[in-house]
Amino acid sequence: MSSSLIIPLMLAAMAVFMFVSVRNQKKRAAAVADMQSAIGPGTRVQLQSGLFGVVVDASDDTVVQIEIAPGVVTEWNRLAIRESVTDTPEDDGDTQTYDQDADDFRVPDSLEGLDGDPTDSNPGRPNLDKSSDESGDDKHEEK
């Protein structure tokens, strides 16, 4: 008798899951529609591509004109708008602060005291140029 209850319970669980997911999807779609309908000239937006701009003309229901740089106005589908952006960035804890004490170091005034040849373009690598090899010059002079 317990095996006859498994199938109806599974169907009921699937129905509840589908109802909840459809309900959440409708809420998100309504929020996006409200945001896109509230956009007007002067609103700073971020597009789905990650591009930021300011809305210049939003009189059409399907197309908006966005200024992406001073004097550069492009035409975009209204659905390409991801979100309306405020000018002040939100502090979400991911930003790094600059610590001036951590970068406190002294830069030498001259190259004296540094290891290696200051004119060497490949420090730490052997010089294979035969023209500057002194021991090779001596061998050629003996012959």
Protein backbone atom coordinates (compact mmCIF):
# COMPACT_ATOMS: atom_id res chain seq x y z
CA MET A 1 0.00 0.00 0.00
CA SER A 2 2.92 2.39 0.58
CA SER A 3 4.09 1.92 -3.03
CA SER A 4 0.74 3.22 -4.30
CA LEU A 5 1.34 6.55 -2.46
CA ILE A 6 4.75 7.23 -3.99
CA ILE A 7 3.53 8.31 -7.41
CA PRO A 8 0.87 10.79 -6.14
CA LEU A 9 3.36 12.27 -3.64
CA MET A 10 5.95 12.74 -6.38
CA LEU A 11 3.37 14.42 -8.63
CA ALA A 12 2.29 16.71 -5.78
CA ALA A 13 5.91 17.67 -5.05
CA MET A 14 6.53 18.45 -8.74
CA ALA A 15 3.37 20.58 -8.88
CA VAL A 16 4.44 22.61 -5.82
CA PHE A 17 7.94 23.11 -7.28
CA MET A 18 6.52 24.26 -10.63
CA PHE A 19 4.07 26.63 -8.92
CA VAL A 20 6.81 28.27 -6.84
CA SER A 21 9.24 28.62 -9.76
CA VAL A 22 6.61 30.13 -12.09
CA ARG A 23 5.58 32.56 -9.36
CA ASN A 24 9.20 33.73 -8.82
CA GLN A 25 9.70 34.10 -12.58
CA LYS A 26 6.59 36.28 -12.86
CA LYS A 27 7.81 38.50 -10.00
CA ARG A 28 11.20 38.99 -11.67
CA ALA A 29 9.59 39.75 -15.04
CA ALA A 30 7.28 42.31 -13.42
CA ALA A 31 10.22 43.99 -11.67
CA VAL A 32 12.19 44.22 -14.95
CA ALA A 33 9.15 45.61 -16.78
CA ASP A 34 8.62 48.24 -14.07
CA MET A 35 12.29 49.25 -14.18
CA GLN A 36 12.31 49.53 -17.98
CA SER A 37 9.10 51.54 -18.08
CA ALA A 38 10.43 53.96 -15.43
CA ILE A 39 13.51 54.80 -17.49
CA GLY A 40 13.52 58.29 -18.93
CA PRO A 41 15.96 60.83 -20.34
CA GLY A 42 18.93 61.45 -18.04
CA THR A 43 18.79 58.01 -16.40
CA ARG A 44 22.16 56.25 -16.12
CA VAL A 45 21.82 52.61 -17.16
CA GLN A 46 23.88 49.46 -17.60
CA LEU A 47 23.18 47.34 -20.65
CA GLN A 48 23.25 43.54 -20.83
CA SER A 49 26.64 43.80 -22.55
CA GLY A 50 28.07 45.65 -19.55
CA LEU A 51 28.16 49.02 -21.32
CA PHE A 52 27.19 52.09 -19.26
CA GLY A 53 25.42 55.11 -20.67
CA VAL A 54 22.85 57.83 -20.16
CA VAL A 55 19.40 57.62 -21.75
CA VAL A 56 18.85 60.48 -24.21
CA ASP A 57 15.47 59.53 -25.71
CA ALA A 58 13.07 56.90 -24.39
CA SER A 59 9.89 57.94 -26.19
CA ASP A 60 9.63 54.72 -28.23
CA ASP A 61 8.23 51.57 -26.58
CA THR A 62 10.88 49.25 -28.04
CA VAL A 63 13.96 51.42 -28.71
CA VAL A 64 15.96 53.85 -26.55
CA GLN A 65 18.80 56.16 -27.51
CA ILE A 66 21.74 56.00 -25.12
CA GLU A 67 24.77 58.29 -24.96
CA ILE A 68 27.76 56.03 -24.29
CA ALA A 69 30.40 58.79 -24.60
CA PRO A 70 30.18 62.56 -24.94
CA GLY A 71 28.54 63.17 -28.32
CA VAL A 72 28.17 59.44 -29.15
CA VAL A 73 24.51 58.40 -29.14
CA THR A 74 23.55 54.84 -30.04
CA GLU A 75 20.20 53.15 -30.44
CA TRP A 76 19.41 50.07 -28.35
CA ASN A 77 16.49 47.74 -27.85
CA ARG A 78 14.79 48.56 -24.56
CA LEU A 79 15.18 44.92 -23.47
CA ALA A 80 18.97 45.31 -23.59
CA ILE A 81 18.84 47.49 -20.46
CA ARG A 82 19.97 45.43 -17.52
CA GLU A 83 19.51 47.91 -14.69
CA SER A 84 19.28 51.54 -13.72
CA VAL A 85 22.56 52.62 -12.09
CA THR A 86 23.17 55.25 -9.46
CA ASP A 87 26.26 57.45 -9.72
CA THR A 88 27.63 56.39 -6.32
CA PRO A 89 29.02 52.85 -6.18
CA GLU A 90 27.54 50.59 -3.54
CA ASP A 91 29.88 49.30 -0.85
CA ASP A 92 29.56 45.54 -1.10
CA GLY A 93 32.80 44.73 0.68
CA ASP A 94 34.63 43.72 -2.50
CA THR A 95 36.47 47.01 -2.90
CA GLN A 96 40.08 47.24 -1.82
CA THR A 97 41.36 50.16 0.19
CA TYR A 98 44.73 51.72 -0.52
CA ASP A 99 47.16 51.46 2.36
CA GLN A 100 49.95 54.00 1.88
CA ASP A 101 52.10 52.49 4.64
CA ALA A 102 52.20 49.12 2.86
CA ASP A 103 53.82 50.73 -0.19
CA ASP A 104 56.40 52.72 1.77
CA PHE A 105 59.75 51.83 0.21
CA ARG A 106 62.88 53.68 -0.89
CA VAL A 107 63.92 53.98 -4.52
CA PRO A 108 67.70 54.24 -4.98
CA ASP A 109 69.10 57.38 -6.61
CA SER A 110 71.71 55.50 -8.62
CA LEU A 111 72.41 52.01 -9.89
CA GLU A 112 75.51 51.62 -7.72
CA GLY A 113 75.28 48.75 -5.32
CA LEU A 114 72.76 46.82 -7.39
CA ASP A 115 73.71 43.32 -8.51
CA GLY A 116 74.52 42.79 -12.16
CA ASP A 117 75.43 45.01 -15.06
CA PRO A 118 73.05 48.02 -15.26
CA THR A 119 73.34 48.02 -19.06
CA ASP A 120 72.52 44.29 -19.33
CA SER A 121 69.16 43.85 -21.06
CA ASN A 122 68.85 40.23 -19.89
CA PRO A 123 70.04 40.09 -16.27
CA GLY A 124 70.79 36.64 -14.94
CA ARG A 125 71.36 35.13 -18.40
CA PRO A 126 74.78 34.39 -19.89
CA ASN A 127 76.11 36.74 -22.54
CA LEU A 128 76.50 34.70 -25.73
CA ASP A 129 77.60 37.58 -27.91
CA LYS A 130 81.09 36.62 -29.23
CA SER A 131 82.10 40.18 -30.04
CA SER A 132 82.19 41.11 -26.36
CA ASP A 133 83.85 37.88 -25.22
CA GLU A 134 87.43 38.80 -24.17
CA SER A 135 88.72 35.22 -24.01
CA GLY A 136 87.65 34.58 -27.60
CA ASP A 137 89.50 37.69 -28.81
CA ASP A 138 92.78 36.43 -27.32
CA LYS A 139 92.58 33.14 -29.17
CA HIS A 140 92.07 34.84 -32.51
CA GLU A 141 95.05 37.15 -31.94
CA GLU A 142 97.45 34.23 -31.24
CA LYS A 143 96.98 32.67 -34.69
